[in-house]
N, C-alpha and C. Protein backbone atom coordinates (compact mmCIF):
# COMPACT_ATOMS: atom_id res chain seq x y z
N MET A 1 139.63 -93.06 -27.26
CA MET A 1 138.59 -92.33 -26.57
C MET A 1 137.95 -91.32 -27.53
N VAL A 2 136.66 -91.23 -27.49
CA VAL A 2 135.93 -90.34 -28.40
C VAL A 2 135.91 -88.93 -27.82
N ASN A 3 136.25 -87.98 -28.65
CA ASN A 3 136.21 -86.58 -28.27
C ASN A 3 134.82 -86.04 -28.67
N TYR A 4 133.90 -86.07 -27.72
CA TYR A 4 132.53 -85.68 -28.02
C TYR A 4 132.38 -84.19 -28.32
N ILE A 5 133.26 -83.37 -27.80
CA ILE A 5 133.20 -81.93 -28.09
C ILE A 5 133.52 -81.70 -29.57
N LEU A 6 134.56 -82.37 -30.06
CA LEU A 6 134.90 -82.26 -31.48
C LEU A 6 133.78 -82.81 -32.34
N LEU A 7 133.22 -83.95 -31.94
CA LEU A 7 132.12 -84.55 -32.68
C LEU A 7 130.92 -83.61 -32.73
N TYR A 8 130.61 -82.96 -31.62
CA TYR A 8 129.49 -82.01 -31.58
C TYR A 8 129.75 -80.83 -32.52
N LYS A 9 130.97 -80.31 -32.53
CA LYS A 9 131.30 -79.19 -33.42
C LYS A 9 131.17 -79.59 -34.88
N ILE A 10 131.63 -80.79 -35.21
CA ILE A 10 131.50 -81.30 -36.58
C ILE A 10 130.03 -81.42 -36.94
N ARG A 11 129.24 -82.01 -36.05
CA ARG A 11 127.81 -82.21 -36.29
C ARG A 11 127.09 -80.89 -36.51
N LYS A 12 127.40 -79.91 -35.67
CA LYS A 12 126.76 -78.59 -35.76
C LYS A 12 127.08 -77.93 -37.11
N CYS A 13 128.33 -78.02 -37.54
CA CYS A 13 128.73 -77.43 -38.81
C CYS A 13 128.05 -78.12 -39.98
N ILE A 14 128.03 -79.44 -39.98
CA ILE A 14 127.41 -80.20 -41.06
C ILE A 14 125.91 -79.91 -41.12
N LYS A 15 125.27 -79.86 -39.97
CA LYS A 15 123.83 -79.62 -39.93
C LYS A 15 123.49 -78.26 -40.53
N SER A 16 124.27 -77.24 -40.20
CA SER A 16 123.98 -75.92 -40.76
C SER A 16 124.19 -75.89 -42.27
N ILE A 17 125.21 -76.59 -42.74
CA ILE A 17 125.47 -76.65 -44.19
C ILE A 17 124.32 -77.36 -44.90
N ILE A 18 123.88 -78.48 -44.35
CA ILE A 18 122.79 -79.25 -44.98
C ILE A 18 121.49 -78.45 -44.97
N LYS A 19 121.18 -77.80 -43.86
CA LYS A 19 119.95 -76.99 -43.80
C LYS A 19 120.00 -75.86 -44.82
N GLU A 20 121.16 -75.25 -44.97
CA GLU A 20 121.33 -74.18 -45.95
C GLU A 20 121.10 -74.71 -47.37
N LYS A 21 121.66 -75.88 -47.66
CA LYS A 21 121.49 -76.49 -48.99
C LYS A 21 120.03 -76.85 -49.25
N ILE A 22 119.32 -77.32 -48.23
CA ILE A 22 117.90 -77.65 -48.38
C ILE A 22 117.10 -76.39 -48.66
N ASP A 23 117.39 -75.31 -47.91
CA ASP A 23 116.68 -74.05 -48.12
C ASP A 23 116.91 -73.48 -49.52
N GLU A 24 118.10 -73.70 -50.05
CA GLU A 24 118.43 -73.20 -51.39
C GLU A 24 117.93 -74.14 -52.49
N GLY A 25 117.37 -75.29 -52.10
CA GLY A 25 116.86 -76.23 -53.07
C GLY A 25 117.90 -77.11 -53.72
N GLU A 26 119.10 -77.12 -53.15
CA GLU A 26 120.17 -77.94 -53.72
C GLU A 26 120.09 -79.39 -53.28
N LEU A 27 119.39 -79.66 -52.19
CA LEU A 27 119.18 -81.03 -51.71
C LEU A 27 117.69 -81.29 -51.63
N ALA A 28 117.27 -82.40 -52.16
CA ALA A 28 115.86 -82.76 -52.10
C ALA A 28 115.59 -83.56 -50.83
N THR A 29 114.47 -83.30 -50.20
CA THR A 29 114.07 -84.06 -49.02
C THR A 29 112.67 -84.61 -49.24
N THR A 30 112.37 -85.65 -48.49
CA THR A 30 111.03 -86.23 -48.53
C THR A 30 110.43 -86.13 -47.14
N GLU A 31 109.19 -86.52 -47.01
CA GLU A 31 108.55 -86.47 -45.70
C GLU A 31 109.14 -87.50 -44.74
N HIS A 32 109.84 -88.50 -45.28
CA HIS A 32 110.42 -89.55 -44.45
C HIS A 32 111.91 -89.35 -44.21
N SER A 33 112.51 -88.29 -44.79
CA SER A 33 113.94 -88.10 -44.62
C SER A 33 114.23 -87.49 -43.24
N CYS A 34 115.34 -87.90 -42.70
CA CYS A 34 115.75 -87.42 -41.37
C CYS A 34 117.10 -86.74 -41.51
N VAL A 35 117.12 -85.43 -41.48
CA VAL A 35 118.36 -84.68 -41.63
C VAL A 35 119.30 -85.01 -40.48
N GLY A 36 118.77 -85.14 -39.28
CA GLY A 36 119.60 -85.45 -38.11
C GLY A 36 120.34 -86.76 -38.25
N CYS A 37 119.68 -87.76 -38.83
CA CYS A 37 120.30 -89.08 -39.02
C CYS A 37 121.47 -88.98 -40.01
N VAL A 38 121.26 -88.27 -41.08
CA VAL A 38 122.32 -88.09 -42.08
C VAL A 38 123.48 -87.33 -41.47
N VAL A 39 123.16 -86.29 -40.71
CA VAL A 39 124.19 -85.49 -40.06
C VAL A 39 125.00 -86.33 -39.08
N ASP A 40 124.34 -87.17 -38.31
CA ASP A 40 125.04 -88.04 -37.36
C ASP A 40 126.01 -88.97 -38.08
N ASP A 41 125.54 -89.59 -39.15
CA ASP A 41 126.39 -90.51 -39.91
C ASP A 41 127.60 -89.79 -40.50
N LEU A 42 127.38 -88.64 -41.09
CA LEU A 42 128.48 -87.87 -41.67
C LEU A 42 129.45 -87.40 -40.59
N SER A 43 128.92 -86.98 -39.46
CA SER A 43 129.77 -86.50 -38.37
C SER A 43 130.72 -87.57 -37.88
N TRP A 44 130.19 -88.77 -37.69
CA TRP A 44 131.05 -89.87 -37.23
C TRP A 44 132.12 -90.20 -38.26
N GLU A 45 131.74 -90.22 -39.54
CA GLU A 45 132.72 -90.52 -40.58
C GLU A 45 133.84 -89.48 -40.62
N ILE A 46 133.47 -88.21 -40.53
CA ILE A 46 134.46 -87.13 -40.55
C ILE A 46 135.33 -87.21 -39.30
N TYR A 47 134.71 -87.48 -38.16
CA TYR A 47 135.46 -87.61 -36.91
C TYR A 47 136.53 -88.69 -37.03
N TYR A 48 136.16 -89.85 -37.54
CA TYR A 48 137.13 -90.94 -37.67
C TYR A 48 138.21 -90.64 -38.70
N LEU A 49 137.86 -89.91 -39.75
CA LEU A 49 138.87 -89.49 -40.72
C LEU A 49 139.88 -88.55 -40.08
N LEU A 50 139.40 -87.59 -39.29
CA LEU A 50 140.30 -86.67 -38.59
C LEU A 50 141.16 -87.40 -37.58
N LYS A 51 140.56 -88.32 -36.86
CA LYS A 51 141.30 -89.10 -35.87
C LYS A 51 142.39 -89.93 -36.53
N GLU A 52 142.06 -90.54 -37.65
CA GLU A 52 143.02 -91.35 -38.39
C GLU A 52 144.16 -90.48 -38.91
N ARG A 53 143.83 -89.30 -39.39
CA ARG A 53 144.84 -88.37 -39.88
C ARG A 53 145.79 -87.94 -38.76
N ASP A 54 145.22 -87.66 -37.59
CA ASP A 54 146.04 -87.26 -36.44
C ASP A 54 146.96 -88.39 -35.98
N GLU A 55 146.49 -89.62 -36.04
CA GLU A 55 147.31 -90.76 -35.63
C GLU A 55 148.46 -90.98 -36.60
N LYS A 56 148.23 -90.72 -37.88
CA LYS A 56 149.29 -90.88 -38.87
C LYS A 56 150.39 -89.84 -38.68
N LYS A 57 150.01 -88.64 -38.18
CA LYS A 57 151.00 -87.58 -37.96
C LYS A 57 151.94 -87.91 -36.82
N LYS A 58 151.51 -88.75 -35.90
CA LYS A 58 152.34 -89.08 -34.72
C LYS A 58 153.42 -90.01 -35.05
């Protein structure tokens, strides 16, 4: 079962980090780039990594 609250918290954290990096000029963006799409993909990957880690602890 997907824990959407955890996923939302991960997404929110990643989005703020990416926006900060863009503002500082550390990440380049184009007119066609979608920060939300990148954040969603990263959030799911991190979520599954955390879930996998928790399952290994059991």
